[in-house]
Amino acid sequence: MELTIDRLTKQYKNKIAVDRLSFSLTKGVTGLLGANGAGKTTLMRVICGVFEQSYGKIFINGIDTQVKREELQGLIGYLPQEFGTYENLTSWEFLEYQALLKGIYDSKVRHQRITEVLEAVHMYENKDKKIGGFSGGMKQRIGIAQTLLNLPRILVVDEPTA
């Protein structure tokens, strides 16, 4: 798996958040370091398809993400620093809803995947508890679980130590 960024620029009206950035990443862990306001979150959101780039290209295994957006979107999992949950749902109900949004329609596959991700984040024993009663760390683990539902090949995590 290779992610290539070629002269990526993201501009908001008169402000350039990311300016002609180019790099390639292969298998492994990569961290982005920079001052507040340096464009790290904007870059991650562009890579994940949350924002459109103003200029430049993003390739996954040589395929332009703007041309094959829908097909490539499933390869990327994104966990933003702040993400919303439905506090009145159990973790199982929330993950089932998220799985449906991610196109996992087969109930057997969906239930197996939910079980796997809850076990992976050590939250299976809390599957029937409402998210509103969880600690911040438990909510973060549910966020990680929902990110893993579609078995992403690229995982983008904003502020992973938060």
Protein backbone atom coordinates (compact mmCIF):
# COMPACT_ATOMS: atom_id res chain seq x y z
CA MET A 1 0.00 0.00 0.00
CA GLU A 2 1.43 3.34 -1.04
CA LEU A 3 0.00 6.80 -0.46
CA THR A 4 1.44 9.56 -2.64
CA ILE A 5 0.73 13.25 -2.23
CA ASP A 6 1.76 15.41 -5.19
CA ARG A 7 1.84 19.22 -4.79
CA LEU A 8 -1.24 19.17 -2.58
CA THR A 9 -2.71 22.57 -1.76
CA LYS A 10 -5.78 23.41 0.28
CA GLN A 11 -6.92 27.00 0.29
CA TYR A 12 -9.81 28.65 2.14
CA LYS A 13 -10.66 31.96 0.50
CA ASN A 14 -7.50 33.99 1.24
CA LYS A 15 -5.78 31.50 3.58
CA ILE A 16 -3.58 28.65 2.38
CA ALA A 17 -3.76 25.82 4.94
CA VAL A 18 -1.59 23.32 3.01
CA ASP A 19 0.84 24.63 0.41
CA ARG A 20 2.22 22.43 -2.43
CA LEU A 21 2.98 19.46 -0.17
CA SER A 22 4.51 16.34 -1.76
CA PHE A 23 5.52 13.04 -0.15
CA SER A 24 5.02 9.27 -0.37
CA LEU A 25 4.26 6.82 2.41
CA THR A 26 4.44 3.07 2.39
CA LYS A 27 3.60 0.48 5.02
CA GLY A 28 4.31 1.57 8.57
CA VAL A 29 3.49 4.29 11.05
CA THR A 30 3.99 7.96 10.22
CA GLY A 31 3.38 10.92 12.48
CA LEU A 32 2.73 14.53 11.57
CA LEU A 33 4.35 17.08 13.84
CA GLY A 34 3.85 20.80 13.67
CA ALA A 35 2.62 23.86 15.47
CA ASN A 36 -1.05 24.55 16.04
CA GLY A 37 -2.53 25.91 12.83
CA ALA A 38 0.16 24.33 10.64
CA GLY A 39 -2.41 22.41 8.55
CA LYS A 40 -2.05 18.89 9.98
CA THR A 41 -5.77 18.29 10.50
CA THR A 42 -6.62 19.89 7.16
CA LEU A 43 -4.13 17.57 5.42
CA MET A 44 -5.64 14.52 7.12
CA ARG A 45 -9.16 15.59 6.16
CA VAL A 46 -8.14 16.08 2.54
CA ILE A 47 -6.43 12.67 2.44
CA CYS A 48 -9.56 11.05 3.86
CA GLY A 49 -11.90 12.81 1.43
CA VAL A 50 -13.63 14.98 4.04
CA PHE A 51 -12.34 18.09 2.21
CA GLU A 52 -11.53 18.55 -1.47
CA GLN A 53 -8.03 19.69 -2.31
CA SER A 54 -7.70 23.02 -4.09
CA TYR A 55 -4.79 21.79 -6.18
CA GLY A 56 -2.57 18.74 -6.48
CA LYS A 57 -3.18 15.01 -6.45
CA ILE A 58 -3.53 12.16 -3.99
CA PHE A 59 -2.79 8.63 -5.17
CA ILE A 60 -3.33 5.30 -3.45
CA ASN A 61 -1.29 2.59 -5.16
CA GLY A 62 -0.96 4.89 -8.16
CA ILE A 63 -4.72 5.46 -8.52
CA ASP A 64 -5.95 9.06 -8.43
CA THR A 65 -8.37 9.41 -5.51
CA GLN A 66 -10.39 12.04 -7.35
CA VAL A 67 -11.05 9.66 -10.24
CA LYS A 68 -11.85 6.55 -8.16
CA ARG A 69 -13.06 8.29 -4.98
CA GLU A 70 -15.85 5.86 -4.04
CA GLU A 71 -13.77 2.72 -4.54
CA LEU A 72 -10.74 4.05 -2.68
CA GLN A 73 -12.70 5.63 0.18
CA GLY A 74 -13.21 2.24 1.78
CA LEU A 75 -9.44 1.77 2.04
CA ILE A 76 -9.10 4.68 4.46
CA GLY A 77 -10.25 4.77 8.07
CA TYR A 78 -10.37 8.17 9.77
CA LEU A 79 -10.68 8.93 13.46
CA PRO A 80 -10.90 12.67 14.06
CA GLN A 81 -9.88 14.21 17.36
CA GLU A 82 -13.52 15.00 18.09
CA PHE A 83 -16.15 12.61 16.81
CA GLY A 84 -19.82 12.31 17.57
CA THR A 85 -21.56 9.38 19.15
CA TYR A 86 -25.18 8.79 20.00
CA GLU A 87 -25.08 8.77 23.79
CA ASN A 88 -28.45 7.00 24.10
CA LEU A 89 -27.31 4.02 21.98
CA THR A 90 -25.41 1.01 23.24
CA SER A 91 -21.99 0.48 21.75
CA TRP A 92 -23.40 -2.45 19.72
CA GLU A 93 -26.27 -0.32 18.35
CA PHE A 94 -23.91 2.52 17.47
CA LEU A 95 -21.48 0.19 15.66
CA GLU A 96 -24.34 -1.50 13.83
CA TYR A 97 -25.52 1.89 12.60
CA GLN A 98 -21.98 2.86 11.56
CA ALA A 99 -21.50 -0.47 9.77
CA LEU A 100 -24.67 0.12 7.76
CA LEU A 101 -23.43 3.59 6.81
CA LYS A 102 -20.18 1.97 5.63
CA GLY A 103 -22.11 -0.40 3.38
CA ILE A 104 -21.86 -3.59 5.46
CA TYR A 105 -25.39 -4.78 4.72
CA ASP A 106 -25.06 -8.54 5.24
CA SER A 107 -26.21 -9.02 8.86
CA LYS A 108 -23.98 -12.05 9.48
CA VAL A 109 -20.89 -10.21 8.23
CA ARG A 110 -21.90 -7.06 10.09
CA HIS A 111 -22.39 -8.86 13.42
CA GLN A 112 -19.11 -10.74 13.03
CA ARG A 113 -17.25 -7.52 12.22
CA ILE A 114 -18.80 -5.69 15.19
CA THR A 115 -17.82 -8.53 17.51
CA GLU A 116 -14.26 -8.49 16.13
CA VAL A 117 -13.76 -4.73 16.52
CA LEU A 118 -15.29 -4.65 20.01
CA GLU A 119 -12.95 -7.45 21.05
CA ALA A 120 -9.99 -5.69 19.41
CA VAL A 121 -10.55 -2.56 21.53
CA HIS A 122 -11.41 -4.57 24.68
CA MET A 123 -14.99 -3.31 24.79
CA TYR A 124 -16.99 -6.45 24.00
CA GLU A 125 -18.10 -6.79 27.62
CA ASN A 126 -19.65 -3.30 27.29
CA LYS A 127 -21.56 -4.03 24.09
CA ASP A 128 -24.97 -3.63 25.73
CA LYS A 129 -24.13 -0.50 27.75
CA LYS A 130 -25.12 2.99 26.65
CA ILE A 131 -22.28 5.14 25.34
CA GLY A 132 -23.47 8.06 27.50
CA GLY A 133 -22.21 6.23 30.58
CA PHE A 134 -18.71 5.62 29.18
CA SER A 135 -15.55 7.41 30.24
CA GLY A 136 -13.67 9.49 27.68
CA GLY A 137 -11.21 6.64 27.07
CA MET A 138 -14.01 4.15 26.51
CA LYS A 139 -15.65 6.50 24.01
CA GLN A 140 -12.30 6.82 22.23
CA ARG A 141 -12.10 3.03 21.96
CA ILE A 142 -15.60 2.94 20.44
CA GLY A 143 -14.37 5.55 17.95
CA ILE A 144 -11.43 3.33 17.07
CA ALA A 145 -13.78 0.36 16.71
CA GLN A 146 -16.04 2.21 14.26
CA THR A 147 -12.98 3.27 12.26
CA LEU A 148 -11.90 -0.37 11.94
CA LEU A 149 -15.32 -1.70 10.82
CA ASN A 150 -14.58 -1.57 7.09
CA LEU A 151 -11.08 -3.07 7.50
CA PRO A 152 -9.19 -0.01 6.24
CA ARG A 153 -5.73 -0.43 4.72
CA ILE A 154 -4.80 3.14 5.69
CA LEU A 155 -5.68 4.44 9.13
CA VAL A 156 -5.59 8.19 9.79
CA VAL A 157 -5.87 9.25 13.44
CA ASP A 158 -5.95 12.92 14.43
CA GLU A 159 -4.40 13.57 17.87
CA PRO A 160 -4.00 9.86 18.75
CA THR A 161 -2.62 10.64 22.20
CA ALA A 162 -5.61 12.79 23.22
